[in-house]
Amino acid sequence: MNFIPINSYSNYIDANIILGRLQNDGIDCWLKDENTVTINPIWTNAVGGIKLMVADADAKNATELLNQYRAEQKLQTVCPRCGSHNVEFISTPRKPGNWFSVFIGFLLTSFAPPVETVYHCFDCKYEFILPDDTHNES
């Protein structure tokens, strides 16, 4: 059976949640490079992230399910400023502390500390953290 990558993830939690959902929906799939990215996160971009591999025969159905999952997720997050659902969880390099952390991380250790992640509204450009958000907890 031939498998093809249909998506990639920068962390194993998101990758495994989607993997489990697809498997529950009867899609034959697995994760490539999960161990590499989990053990050494600095290699995430070098290896292309954790790749979701899907059987050729299931690729179209899996892509449709991924689009459905994304649509469901967008409906759950609302921008507090404008009320838009056009919001995504992103890492932001704009804050000076993030650049300083990356510089110190490369200078003193073999890896860079994670940069801050926030929700970004693509309609009003507002960046925010939800009060009950556990993504940014260390």
Protein backbone atom coordinates (compact mmCIF):
# COMPACT_ATOMS: atom_id res chain seq x y z
CA MET A 1 0.00 0.00 0.00
CA ASN A 2 1.29 3.44 -0.94
CA PHE A 3 1.07 6.28 1.62
CA ILE A 4 1.29 10.01 0.87
CA PRO A 5 1.70 13.01 3.22
CA ILE A 6 -1.41 15.21 3.37
CA ASN A 7 -0.47 17.54 6.24
CA SER A 8 2.37 18.34 8.64
CA TYR A 9 2.42 19.46 12.28
CA SER A 10 5.00 21.15 14.48
CA ASN A 11 3.97 19.33 17.66
CA TYR A 12 2.98 15.79 18.48
CA ILE A 13 -0.18 16.70 20.40
CA ASP A 14 -1.98 18.24 17.42
CA ALA A 15 -0.68 15.48 15.15
CA ASN A 16 -1.94 12.70 17.41
CA ILE A 17 -5.34 14.32 17.92
CA ILE A 18 -5.89 14.47 14.14
CA LEU A 19 -4.44 10.96 13.71
CA GLY A 20 -6.92 9.59 16.25
CA ARG A 21 -9.86 11.40 14.67
CA LEU A 22 -8.99 10.12 11.20
CA GLN A 23 -8.49 6.56 12.46
CA ASN A 24 -11.87 6.74 14.22
CA ASP A 25 -13.37 7.73 10.87
CA GLY A 26 -11.85 4.63 9.24
CA ILE A 27 -8.88 6.29 7.51
CA ASP A 28 -5.69 4.23 7.26
CA CYS A 29 -2.95 6.63 8.42
CA TRP A 30 0.20 7.04 10.53
CA LEU A 31 2.71 9.74 11.57
CA LYS A 32 6.13 10.06 9.97
CA ASP A 33 9.04 11.76 11.81
CA GLU A 34 7.06 12.01 15.06
CA ASN A 35 9.92 10.69 17.18
CA THR A 36 12.51 12.97 15.55
CA VAL A 37 10.44 16.12 16.09
CA THR A 38 9.38 15.13 19.61
CA ILE A 39 12.89 14.29 20.80
CA ASN A 40 14.65 17.21 19.09
CA PRO A 41 12.18 20.03 18.33
CA ILE A 42 14.87 22.22 16.75
CA TRP A 43 14.83 19.81 13.79
CA THR A 44 11.12 20.39 13.12
CA ASN A 45 11.68 22.65 10.10
CA ALA A 46 14.63 20.61 8.84
CA VAL A 47 12.59 17.39 8.56
CA GLY A 48 9.39 19.14 7.50
CA GLY A 49 7.50 18.58 10.74
CA ILE A 50 5.48 15.54 11.74
CA LYS A 51 3.90 14.31 8.53
CA LEU A 52 0.43 12.77 8.47
CA MET A 53 0.73 9.87 6.05
CA VAL A 54 -2.50 8.55 4.49
CA ALA A 55 -3.13 5.63 2.17
CA ASP A 56 -3.57 6.73 -1.46
CA ALA A 57 -7.08 5.33 -1.55
CA ASP A 58 -8.10 7.38 1.51
CA ALA A 59 -6.37 10.67 0.60
CA LYS A 60 -9.42 12.47 -0.83
CA ASN A 61 -11.68 11.46 2.06
CA ALA A 62 -8.98 12.35 4.62
CA THR A 63 -8.49 15.81 3.07
CA GLU A 64 -12.23 16.46 3.25
CA LEU A 65 -12.28 15.37 6.91
CA LEU A 66 -9.29 17.63 7.71
CA ASN A 67 -11.12 20.58 6.15
CA GLN A 68 -14.19 19.72 8.23
CA TYR A 69 -12.08 19.54 11.43
CA ARG A 70 -10.53 22.95 10.66
CA ALA A 71 -13.96 24.47 10.07
CA GLU A 72 -15.19 23.06 13.41
CA GLN A 73 -12.15 24.47 15.18
CA LYS A 74 -12.60 27.94 13.65
CA LEU A 75 -16.17 28.07 14.91
CA GLN A 76 -14.96 27.52 18.48
CA THR A 77 -12.63 30.56 18.59
CA VAL A 78 -13.94 34.11 18.32
CA CYS A 79 -11.93 37.33 18.21
CA PRO A 80 -12.79 39.37 21.34
CA ARG A 81 -12.34 42.64 19.44
CA CYS A 82 -14.38 42.15 16.23
CA GLY A 83 -16.25 38.85 16.77
CA SER A 84 -14.71 37.20 13.69
CA HIS A 85 -14.08 33.45 13.41
CA ASN A 86 -11.18 34.09 11.02
CA VAL A 87 -8.73 33.31 13.85
CA GLU A 88 -5.75 30.96 14.02
CA PHE A 89 -3.29 29.92 16.73
CA ILE A 90 0.16 31.09 15.57
CA SER A 91 3.66 31.67 16.92
CA THR A 92 4.57 35.33 16.94
CA PRO A 93 8.12 36.56 16.35
CA ARG A 94 7.14 40.21 16.81
CA LYS A 95 7.70 40.52 20.54
CA PRO A 96 11.27 41.54 21.51
CA GLY A 97 11.35 38.94 24.28
CA ASN A 98 10.92 36.17 21.72
CA TRP A 99 13.94 37.29 19.69
CA PHE A 100 15.99 37.65 22.86
CA SER A 101 14.98 34.14 24.00
CA VAL A 102 15.93 32.64 20.65
CA PHE A 103 19.30 34.41 20.66
CA ILE A 104 20.11 33.28 24.22
CA GLY A 105 18.86 29.79 23.45
CA PHE A 106 21.16 29.40 20.47
CA LEU A 107 24.04 30.99 22.33
CA LEU A 108 23.87 28.99 25.55
CA THR A 109 22.11 25.75 24.65
CA SER A 110 21.68 23.40 21.74
CA PHE A 111 18.08 24.45 21.13
CA ALA A 112 15.99 27.59 21.10
CA PRO A 113 13.23 28.03 23.64
CA PRO A 114 9.74 28.10 22.15
CA VAL A 115 8.43 31.45 21.01
CA GLU A 116 5.16 32.79 22.34
CA THR A 117 2.03 31.57 20.61
CA VAL A 118 -1.12 33.65 20.35
CA TYR A 119 -4.42 33.71 18.54
CA HIS A 120 -4.32 36.06 15.55
CA CYS A 121 -7.45 37.56 13.96
CA PHE A 122 -6.93 37.95 10.23
CA ASP A 123 -9.80 40.43 9.94
CA CYS A 124 -8.82 43.11 12.50
CA LYS A 125 -5.16 41.96 13.04
CA TYR A 126 -5.68 41.67 16.81
CA GLU A 127 -3.52 39.14 18.71
CA PHE A 128 -4.81 37.67 21.96
CA ILE A 129 -4.60 34.81 24.43
CA LEU A 130 -7.80 33.24 25.66
CA PRO A 131 -8.24 33.35 29.47
CA ASP A 132 -8.72 29.58 29.70
CA ASP A 133 -5.99 28.80 27.15
CA THR A 134 -3.52 26.10 28.21
CA HIS A 135 -1.34 26.31 25.03
CA ASN A 136 1.03 28.87 26.58
CA GLU A 137 1.53 27.20 29.95
CA SER A 138 5.02 25.93 30.64
